[in-house]
N, C-alpha and C. Protein backbone atom coordinates (compact mmCIF):
# COMPACT_ATOMS: atom_id res chain seq x y z
N UNK A 1 139.10 81.94 128.82
CA UNK A 1 138.67 82.52 127.56
C UNK A 1 137.14 82.45 127.46
N UNK A 2 136.62 83.35 126.66
CA UNK A 2 135.16 83.49 126.56
C UNK A 2 134.69 83.15 125.16
N UNK A 3 135.10 82.06 124.60
CA UNK A 3 134.74 81.71 123.24
C UNK A 3 133.30 81.18 123.19
N UNK A 4 132.58 81.61 122.14
CA UNK A 4 131.24 81.11 121.84
C UNK A 4 130.25 81.31 122.99
N UNK A 5 130.37 82.43 123.67
CA UNK A 5 129.43 82.77 124.75
C UNK A 5 128.81 84.12 124.41
N UNK A 6 127.87 84.12 123.48
CA UNK A 6 127.38 85.36 122.90
C UNK A 6 126.24 86.01 123.67
N UNK A 7 125.40 85.23 124.30
CA UNK A 7 124.21 85.84 124.90
C UNK A 7 124.46 86.23 126.35
N UNK A 8 123.67 87.18 126.82
CA UNK A 8 123.77 87.69 128.18
C UNK A 8 123.03 86.74 129.12
N UNK A 9 123.70 86.29 130.17
CA UNK A 9 123.08 85.36 131.11
C UNK A 9 122.17 86.07 132.11
N UNK A 10 122.27 87.39 132.19
CA UNK A 10 121.39 88.22 133.03
C UNK A 10 121.46 87.84 134.51
N UNK A 11 122.54 87.23 134.94
CA UNK A 11 122.71 86.89 136.36
C UNK A 11 121.72 85.86 136.86
N UNK A 12 121.29 84.94 136.01
CA UNK A 12 120.29 83.95 136.38
C UNK A 12 120.72 82.57 135.90
N UNK A 13 120.12 81.57 136.48
CA UNK A 13 120.35 80.22 135.99
C UNK A 13 119.64 80.05 134.65
N UNK A 14 119.96 79.01 133.94
CA UNK A 14 119.38 78.81 132.61
C UNK A 14 117.86 78.67 132.67
N UNK A 15 117.35 77.92 133.64
CA UNK A 15 115.90 77.72 133.73
C UNK A 15 115.18 79.00 134.11
N UNK A 16 115.79 79.77 135.03
CA UNK A 16 115.19 81.05 135.43
C UNK A 16 115.18 82.02 134.26
N UNK A 17 116.26 82.06 133.49
CA UNK A 17 116.36 82.95 132.33
C UNK A 17 115.32 82.57 131.27
N UNK A 18 115.17 81.28 130.99
CA UNK A 18 114.19 80.82 130.00
C UNK A 18 112.76 81.17 130.44
N UNK A 19 112.46 80.97 131.71
CA UNK A 19 111.12 81.29 132.22
C UNK A 19 110.87 82.80 132.15
N UNK A 20 111.87 83.60 132.51
CA UNK A 20 111.72 85.05 132.48
C UNK A 20 111.51 85.55 131.05
N UNK A 21 112.28 85.05 130.10
CA UNK A 21 112.14 85.49 128.72
C UNK A 21 110.80 85.03 128.12
N UNK A 22 110.35 83.85 128.50
CA UNK A 22 109.05 83.38 128.03
C UNK A 22 107.93 84.28 128.57
N UNK A 23 108.00 84.62 129.86
CA UNK A 23 106.98 85.48 130.46
C UNK A 23 107.01 86.88 129.84
N UNK A 24 108.21 87.40 129.62
CA UNK A 24 108.32 88.72 129.00
C UNK A 24 107.81 88.70 127.56
N UNK A 25 108.04 87.61 126.85
CA UNK A 25 107.55 87.48 125.48
C UNK A 25 106.03 87.47 125.44
N UNK A 26 105.42 86.74 126.36
CA UNK A 26 103.96 86.70 126.44
C UNK A 26 103.42 88.10 126.73
N UNK A 27 104.04 88.81 127.66
CA UNK A 27 103.60 90.17 127.98
C UNK A 27 103.74 91.10 126.78
N UNK A 28 104.85 90.97 126.06
CA UNK A 28 105.07 91.81 124.88
C UNK A 28 104.03 91.53 123.81
N UNK A 29 103.73 90.27 123.58
CA UNK A 29 102.75 89.91 122.55
C UNK A 29 101.35 90.37 122.94
N UNK A 30 100.99 90.23 124.20
CA UNK A 30 99.65 90.59 124.63
C UNK A 30 99.46 92.10 124.74
N UNK A 31 100.47 92.82 125.24
CA UNK A 31 100.32 94.26 125.50
C UNK A 31 100.95 95.14 124.43
N UNK A 32 101.75 94.56 123.53
CA UNK A 32 102.41 95.24 122.42
C UNK A 32 103.54 96.17 122.86
N UNK A 33 103.68 96.47 124.14
CA UNK A 33 104.78 97.29 124.64
C UNK A 33 104.98 97.01 126.13
N UNK A 34 106.24 96.81 126.52
CA UNK A 34 106.54 96.63 127.95
C UNK A 34 107.77 97.46 128.31
N UNK A 35 107.85 97.84 129.57
CA UNK A 35 108.99 98.60 130.08
C UNK A 35 109.87 97.67 130.88
N UNK A 36 111.17 97.71 130.61
CA UNK A 36 112.12 96.82 131.28
C UNK A 36 113.50 97.44 131.22
N UNK A 37 114.50 96.71 131.70
CA UNK A 37 115.87 97.21 131.61
C UNK A 37 116.41 96.97 130.20
N UNK A 38 117.45 97.70 129.87
CA UNK A 38 118.00 97.61 128.52
C UNK A 38 118.58 96.23 128.24
N UNK A 39 119.26 95.64 129.21
CA UNK A 39 119.87 94.32 129.01
C UNK A 39 118.79 93.26 128.77
N UNK A 40 117.71 93.32 129.56
CA UNK A 40 116.62 92.36 129.37
C UNK A 40 115.92 92.58 128.04
N UNK A 41 115.77 93.83 127.62
CA UNK A 41 115.12 94.12 126.34
C UNK A 41 115.94 93.58 125.18
N UNK A 42 117.25 93.71 125.25
CA UNK A 42 118.09 93.18 124.17
C UNK A 42 118.03 91.66 124.13
N UNK A 43 118.01 91.03 125.29
CA UNK A 43 117.89 89.57 125.34
C UNK A 43 116.52 89.13 124.83
N UNK A 44 115.48 89.88 125.18
CA UNK A 44 114.12 89.57 124.74
C UNK A 44 113.99 89.71 123.23
N UNK A 45 114.65 90.70 122.67
CA UNK A 45 114.58 90.91 121.23
C UNK A 45 115.12 89.69 120.48
N UNK A 46 116.24 89.15 120.95
CA UNK A 46 116.80 87.95 120.32
C UNK A 46 115.91 86.73 120.53
N UNK A 47 115.14 86.73 121.60
CA UNK A 47 114.28 85.59 121.93
C UNK A 47 112.98 85.62 121.13
N UNK A 48 112.37 86.79 121.00
CA UNK A 48 111.01 86.87 120.46
C UNK A 48 110.97 87.04 118.94
N UNK A 49 111.98 87.64 118.35
CA UNK A 49 111.91 87.87 116.90
C UNK A 49 111.87 86.58 116.08
N UNK A 50 112.64 85.53 116.42
CA UNK A 50 112.47 84.28 115.68
C UNK A 50 111.07 83.67 115.84
N UNK A 51 110.45 83.88 117.00
CA UNK A 51 109.09 83.36 117.20
C UNK A 51 108.10 84.10 116.31
N UNK A 52 108.29 85.41 116.16
CA UNK A 52 107.39 86.19 115.30
C UNK A 52 107.60 85.79 113.83
N UNK A 53 108.84 85.53 113.46
CA UNK A 53 109.10 85.05 112.10
C UNK A 53 108.41 83.71 111.88
N UNK A 54 108.43 82.85 112.88
CA UNK A 54 107.81 81.53 112.77
C UNK A 54 106.30 81.65 112.59
N UNK A 55 105.68 82.71 113.15
CA UNK A 55 104.22 82.82 113.10
C UNK A 55 103.71 83.25 111.73
N UNK A 56 104.59 83.64 110.82
CA UNK A 56 104.13 84.03 109.48
C UNK A 56 103.51 82.84 108.75
N UNK A 57 104.03 81.64 109.01
CA UNK A 57 103.47 80.44 108.41
C UNK A 57 102.56 79.78 109.45
N UNK A 58 101.26 79.85 109.22
CA UNK A 58 100.31 79.32 110.19
C UNK A 58 100.09 77.83 109.93
N UNK A 59 100.93 77.02 110.55
CA UNK A 59 100.78 75.58 110.42
C UNK A 59 100.78 74.97 111.82
N UNK A 60 100.36 73.75 111.90
CA UNK A 60 100.31 73.06 113.20
C UNK A 60 101.71 72.94 113.79
N UNK A 61 102.69 72.63 112.96
CA UNK A 61 104.04 72.50 113.46
C UNK A 61 104.58 73.83 113.98
N UNK A 62 104.31 74.92 113.26
CA UNK A 62 104.77 76.23 113.71
C UNK A 62 104.12 76.59 115.04
N UNK A 63 102.85 76.30 115.19
CA UNK A 63 102.17 76.59 116.46
C UNK A 63 102.76 75.78 117.60
N UNK A 64 103.08 74.52 117.34
CA UNK A 64 103.65 73.67 118.39
C UNK A 64 105.05 74.14 118.79
N UNK A 65 105.84 74.55 117.81
CA UNK A 65 107.19 75.03 118.11
C UNK A 65 107.11 76.30 118.96
N UNK A 66 106.25 77.25 118.57
CA UNK A 66 106.12 78.50 119.32
C UNK A 66 105.54 78.22 120.70
N UNK A 67 104.59 77.28 120.80
CA UNK A 67 104.02 76.96 122.10
C UNK A 67 105.06 76.34 123.04
N UNK A 68 106.03 75.62 122.48
CA UNK A 68 107.07 75.05 123.33
C UNK A 68 107.93 76.14 123.97
N UNK A 69 108.00 77.31 123.34
CA UNK A 69 108.74 78.43 123.91
C UNK A 69 107.89 79.25 124.87
N UNK A 70 106.63 79.51 124.52
CA UNK A 70 105.82 80.46 125.28
C UNK A 70 104.93 79.83 126.34
N UNK A 71 104.37 78.65 126.10
CA UNK A 71 103.50 77.95 127.05
C UNK A 71 102.28 78.79 127.45
N UNK A 72 101.67 79.48 126.48
CA UNK A 72 100.50 80.30 126.78
C UNK A 72 99.59 80.31 125.55
N UNK A 73 98.39 79.74 125.68
CA UNK A 73 97.49 79.60 124.54
C UNK A 73 96.99 80.95 124.02
N UNK A 74 96.69 81.87 124.93
CA UNK A 74 96.18 83.18 124.51
C UNK A 74 97.24 83.94 123.72
N UNK A 75 98.49 83.83 124.15
CA UNK A 75 99.57 84.51 123.43
C UNK A 75 99.76 83.89 122.04
N UNK A 76 99.58 82.59 121.93
CA UNK A 76 99.70 81.92 120.63
C UNK A 76 98.60 82.40 119.70
N UNK A 77 97.36 82.52 120.22
CA UNK A 77 96.25 83.01 119.40
C UNK A 77 96.52 84.44 118.92
N UNK A 78 97.01 85.27 119.82
CA UNK A 78 97.31 86.66 119.47
C UNK A 78 98.45 86.73 118.45
N UNK A 79 99.47 85.91 118.66
CA UNK A 79 100.64 85.92 117.78
C UNK A 79 100.30 85.45 116.38
N UNK A 80 99.53 84.39 116.25
CA UNK A 80 99.19 83.86 114.94
C UNK A 80 98.00 84.58 114.33
N UNK A 81 97.34 85.45 115.07
CA UNK A 81 96.20 86.21 114.55
C UNK A 81 96.62 87.61 114.12
N UNK A 82 96.33 88.62 114.95
CA UNK A 82 96.60 90.01 114.57
C UNK A 82 98.08 90.32 114.33
N UNK A 83 98.97 89.73 115.11
CA UNK A 83 100.39 90.04 114.95
C UNK A 83 100.89 89.49 113.62
N UNK A 84 100.51 88.29 113.27
CA UNK A 84 100.95 87.69 112.00
C UNK A 84 100.43 88.47 110.80
N UNK A 85 99.21 89.02 110.91
CA UNK A 85 98.66 89.82 109.81
C UNK A 85 99.47 91.08 109.58
N UNK A 86 99.87 91.73 110.66
CA UNK A 86 100.59 93.00 110.53
C UNK A 86 102.02 92.81 110.06
N UNK A 87 102.67 91.72 110.47
CA UNK A 87 104.08 91.53 110.12
C UNK A 87 104.27 90.63 108.91
N UNK A 88 103.20 90.28 108.23
CA UNK A 88 103.28 89.35 107.12
C UNK A 88 104.22 89.77 106.01
N UNK A 89 104.27 91.06 105.70
CA UNK A 89 105.12 91.51 104.60
C UNK A 89 106.45 92.08 105.08
N UNK A 90 106.66 92.16 106.37
CA UNK A 90 107.90 92.73 106.91
C UNK A 90 108.99 91.66 106.92
N UNK A 91 110.19 91.98 106.42
CA UNK A 91 111.25 90.96 106.35
C UNK A 91 111.97 90.72 107.67
N UNK A 92 111.74 91.51 108.68
CA UNK A 92 112.41 91.33 109.96
C UNK A 92 112.32 92.62 110.75
N UNK A 93 112.94 92.67 111.91
CA UNK A 93 112.91 93.89 112.71
C UNK A 93 111.53 94.19 113.25
N UNK A 94 110.98 93.25 113.98
CA UNK A 94 109.60 93.37 114.45
C UNK A 94 109.48 94.17 115.74
N UNK A 95 110.59 94.38 116.44
CA UNK A 95 110.55 95.08 117.72
C UNK A 95 111.42 96.33 117.66
N UNK A 96 111.12 97.26 118.55
CA UNK A 96 111.86 98.52 118.65
C UNK A 96 112.16 98.76 120.12
N UNK A 97 113.40 99.15 120.42
CA UNK A 97 113.81 99.47 121.78
C UNK A 97 114.04 100.97 121.86
N UNK A 98 113.36 101.64 122.79
CA UNK A 98 113.52 103.08 122.99
C UNK A 98 113.95 103.31 124.43
N UNK A 99 115.10 103.95 124.59
CA UNK A 99 115.67 104.17 125.92
C UNK A 99 114.94 105.30 126.63
N UNK A 100 114.70 105.11 127.92
CA UNK A 100 113.96 106.08 128.72
C UNK A 100 114.81 106.81 129.74
N UNK A 101 116.00 106.30 130.05
CA UNK A 101 116.85 106.93 131.05
C UNK A 101 117.30 105.90 132.07
N UNK A 102 117.60 106.38 133.27
CA UNK A 102 118.06 105.47 134.32
C UNK A 102 117.04 105.38 135.44
N UNK A 103 117.02 104.23 136.09
CA UNK A 103 116.13 104.00 137.22
C UNK A 103 116.71 104.69 138.44
N UNK A 104 115.86 105.25 139.26
CA UNK A 104 116.32 106.04 140.41
C UNK A 104 117.02 105.18 141.46
N UNK A 105 116.51 103.99 141.71
CA UNK A 105 117.04 103.17 142.80
C UNK A 105 118.44 102.63 142.55
N UNK A 106 118.67 102.02 141.38
CA UNK A 106 119.95 101.37 141.14
C UNK A 106 120.65 101.88 139.89
N UNK A 107 120.14 102.93 139.27
CA UNK A 107 120.72 103.56 138.09
C UNK A 107 120.80 102.60 136.90
N UNK A 108 119.90 101.63 136.84
CA UNK A 108 119.84 100.73 135.69
C UNK A 108 119.21 101.47 134.51
N UNK A 109 119.69 101.18 133.32
CA UNK A 109 119.13 101.82 132.13
C UNK A 109 117.76 101.21 131.84
N UNK A 110 116.74 102.05 131.77
CA UNK A 110 115.37 101.62 131.54
C UNK A 110 114.99 101.96 130.10
N UNK A 111 114.21 101.07 129.49
CA UNK A 111 113.74 101.31 128.13
C UNK A 111 112.38 100.64 127.98
N UNK A 112 111.71 100.92 126.88
CA UNK A 112 110.57 100.07 126.57
C UNK A 112 110.80 99.43 125.23
N UNK A 113 110.32 98.22 125.12
CA UNK A 113 110.41 97.44 123.89
C UNK A 113 108.99 97.25 123.40
N UNK A 114 108.79 97.48 122.11
CA UNK A 114 107.44 97.42 121.56
C UNK A 114 107.46 96.75 120.20
N UNK A 115 106.31 96.25 119.80
CA UNK A 115 106.15 95.71 118.46
C UNK A 115 105.98 96.89 117.49
N UNK A 116 106.77 96.90 116.44
CA UNK A 116 106.87 98.06 115.56
C UNK A 116 105.55 98.40 114.89
N UNK A 117 104.84 97.43 114.38
CA UNK A 117 103.65 97.69 113.59
C UNK A 117 102.43 98.11 114.41
N UNK A 118 102.53 98.06 115.72
CA UNK A 118 101.37 98.37 116.56
C UNK A 118 101.45 99.73 117.21
N UNK A 119 102.45 100.53 116.89
CA UNK A 119 102.58 101.85 117.49
C UNK A 119 102.08 102.90 116.50
N UNK A 120 100.92 103.51 116.79
CA UNK A 120 100.33 104.49 115.89
C UNK A 120 101.13 105.79 115.88
N UNK A 121 101.77 106.13 117.00
CA UNK A 121 102.51 107.38 117.06
C UNK A 121 103.75 107.37 116.17
N UNK A 122 104.38 106.21 116.03
CA UNK A 122 105.60 106.12 115.24
C UNK A 122 105.32 105.71 113.79
N UNK A 123 104.07 105.45 113.46
CA UNK A 123 103.74 105.01 112.11
C UNK A 123 104.05 106.13 111.12
N UNK A 124 104.49 105.75 109.95
CA UNK A 124 104.84 106.74 108.94
C UNK A 124 103.57 107.25 108.28
N UNK A 125 103.27 108.51 108.52
CA UNK A 125 102.12 109.14 107.90
C UNK A 125 102.59 110.41 107.21
N UNK A 126 102.01 110.76 106.11
CA UNK A 126 102.44 111.99 105.43
C UNK A 126 102.09 113.20 106.28
N UNK A 127 103.07 114.04 106.46
CA UNK A 127 102.86 115.24 107.28
C UNK A 127 102.38 116.38 106.39
N UNK A 128 101.39 117.11 106.88
CA UNK A 128 100.88 118.25 106.13
C UNK A 128 101.88 119.40 106.24
N UNK A 129 102.10 120.08 105.13
CA UNK A 129 103.04 121.19 105.12
C UNK A 129 102.45 122.35 105.92
N UNK A 130 103.27 122.94 106.76
CA UNK A 130 102.81 124.06 107.57
C UNK A 130 102.82 125.32 106.73
N UNK A 131 101.75 126.07 106.81
CA UNK A 131 101.68 127.33 106.11
C UNK A 131 101.85 128.44 107.13
N UNK A 132 102.86 129.25 106.93
CA UNK A 132 103.12 130.34 107.87
C UNK A 132 102.93 131.66 107.16
N UNK A 133 102.47 132.64 107.92
CA UNK A 133 102.31 133.99 107.40
C UNK A 133 103.43 134.84 107.95
N UNK A 134 103.94 135.73 107.15
CA UNK A 134 105.03 136.58 107.58
C UNK A 134 104.53 137.65 108.55
N UNK A 135 103.36 138.20 108.30
CA UNK A 135 102.78 139.17 109.22
C UNK A 135 101.28 139.05 109.16
N UNK A 136 100.62 139.53 110.16
CA UNK A 136 99.18 139.39 110.21
C UNK A 136 98.46 140.47 109.39
N UNK A 137 99.05 141.62 109.30
CA UNK A 137 98.36 142.75 108.70
C UNK A 137 98.00 142.52 107.23
N UNK A 138 98.91 142.10 106.35
CA UNK A 138 98.51 141.92 104.95
C UNK A 138 97.47 140.81 104.77
N UNK A 139 97.53 139.79 105.56
CA UNK A 139 96.56 138.70 105.42
C UNK A 139 95.16 139.18 105.77
N UNK A 140 95.04 140.05 106.78
CA UNK A 140 93.73 140.55 107.19
C UNK A 140 93.15 141.46 106.10
N UNK A 141 93.98 142.29 105.49
CA UNK A 141 93.50 143.18 104.43
C UNK A 141 93.10 142.38 103.19
N UNK A 142 93.85 141.36 102.90
CA UNK A 142 93.58 140.58 101.70
C UNK A 142 92.26 139.80 101.82
N UNK A 143 91.90 139.40 103.01
CA UNK A 143 90.69 138.61 103.20
C UNK A 143 89.42 139.44 103.08
N UNK A 144 89.44 140.69 103.51
CA UNK A 144 88.24 141.52 103.50
C UNK A 144 87.69 141.75 102.09
N UNK A 145 88.48 142.19 101.09
CA UNK A 145 87.90 142.39 99.76
C UNK A 145 87.42 141.08 99.11
N UNK A 146 88.06 139.99 99.41
CA UNK A 146 87.66 138.72 98.83
C UNK A 146 86.26 138.34 99.31
N UNK A 147 85.97 138.57 100.57
CA UNK A 147 84.65 138.25 101.12
C UNK A 147 83.57 139.13 100.49
N UNK A 148 83.89 140.40 100.29
CA UNK A 148 82.91 141.32 99.70
C UNK A 148 82.60 140.90 98.27
N UNK A 149 83.62 140.54 97.52
CA UNK A 149 83.41 140.10 96.14
C UNK A 149 82.58 138.82 96.10
N UNK A 150 82.82 137.95 97.03
CA UNK A 150 82.09 136.69 97.06
C UNK A 150 80.61 136.94 97.32
N UNK A 151 80.28 137.90 98.20
CA UNK A 151 78.89 138.21 98.49
C UNK A 151 78.19 138.79 97.27
N UNK A 152 78.90 139.66 96.53
CA UNK A 152 78.30 140.25 95.34
C UNK A 152 78.00 139.18 94.30
N UNK A 153 78.91 138.22 94.14
CA UNK A 153 78.71 137.18 93.14
C UNK A 153 77.53 136.29 93.49
N UNK A 154 77.34 136.01 94.77
CA UNK A 154 76.23 135.14 95.14
C UNK A 154 74.89 135.84 95.01
N UNK A 155 74.85 137.16 95.24
CA UNK A 155 73.59 137.89 95.15
C UNK A 155 73.17 138.11 93.69
N UNK A 156 74.08 138.45 92.85
CA UNK A 156 73.75 138.79 91.47
C UNK A 156 73.10 137.63 90.71
N UNK A 157 73.62 136.44 90.72
CA UNK A 157 72.95 135.36 89.99
C UNK A 157 71.57 135.03 90.55
N UNK A 158 71.36 135.22 91.81
CA UNK A 158 70.06 134.93 92.40
C UNK A 158 69.01 135.88 91.83
N UNK A 159 69.37 137.16 91.67
CA UNK A 159 68.43 138.12 91.11
C UNK A 159 68.15 137.81 89.65
N UNK A 160 69.20 137.44 88.90
CA UNK A 160 69.02 137.12 87.49
C UNK A 160 68.13 135.90 87.32
N UNK A 161 68.26 134.93 88.18
CA UNK A 161 67.45 133.73 88.09
C UNK A 161 65.98 134.05 88.30
N UNK A 162 65.68 134.92 89.25
CA UNK A 162 64.28 135.26 89.50
C UNK A 162 63.71 136.05 88.34
N UNK A 163 64.51 136.95 87.73
CA UNK A 163 64.04 137.70 86.57
C UNK A 163 63.80 136.77 85.38
N UNK A 164 64.68 135.82 85.19
CA UNK A 164 64.51 134.87 84.09
C UNK A 164 63.25 134.03 84.28
N UNK A 165 62.98 133.64 85.49
CA UNK A 165 61.78 132.85 85.75
C UNK A 165 60.52 133.65 85.46
N UNK A 166 60.54 134.93 85.87
CA UNK A 166 59.37 135.78 85.62
C UNK A 166 59.15 135.98 84.12
N UNK A 167 60.26 136.16 83.37
CA UNK A 167 60.14 136.33 81.93
C UNK A 167 59.59 135.07 81.28
N UNK A 168 60.02 133.91 81.76
CA UNK A 168 59.54 132.65 81.20
C UNK A 168 58.05 132.47 81.46
N UNK A 169 57.58 132.91 82.62
CA UNK A 169 56.17 132.79 82.95
C UNK A 169 55.32 133.68 82.05
N UNK A 170 55.79 134.91 81.81
CA UNK A 170 55.03 135.84 80.99
C UNK A 170 54.98 135.40 79.53
N UNK A 171 56.05 134.75 79.05
CA UNK A 171 56.08 134.29 77.67
C UNK A 171 55.11 133.16 77.44
N UNK A 172 54.85 132.34 78.38
CA UNK A 172 53.93 131.20 78.24
C UNK A 172 52.54 131.71 78.27
């Protein structure tokens, strides 16, 4: 029976699996996106998300706990610095897995896993409404008279201003 065996062992011993997940976590934190197999990405997601949650509270104990998992000072600085600032108000779901297809050699499913708040392409930005014209001909005709009227309006006030100035000079 397979009771209480929830996580994927990834075909490795416990120490090898822990070292691999720690190294992948450091790479993810430093580079914000890594490419790997789908099984490893799912295991990494379960490994790294509690660490990111822990970094929201910047205390000595939190740093020591995260360091016991990662064993990399630069990754700890990055995690408690820019990463903690971006995920401070997010309640969870700090990573995103996007499938890329299969690997040519062994047909393994390949994906990339990334930190959600650091991807500018996927960030929610208001999209400008597209304006389409039904045909080109009416738009071209409509623009020509508008330009002519605009030229007349700009010339007329200029002439009036010069006449007004001349009248003011003669009155003085």
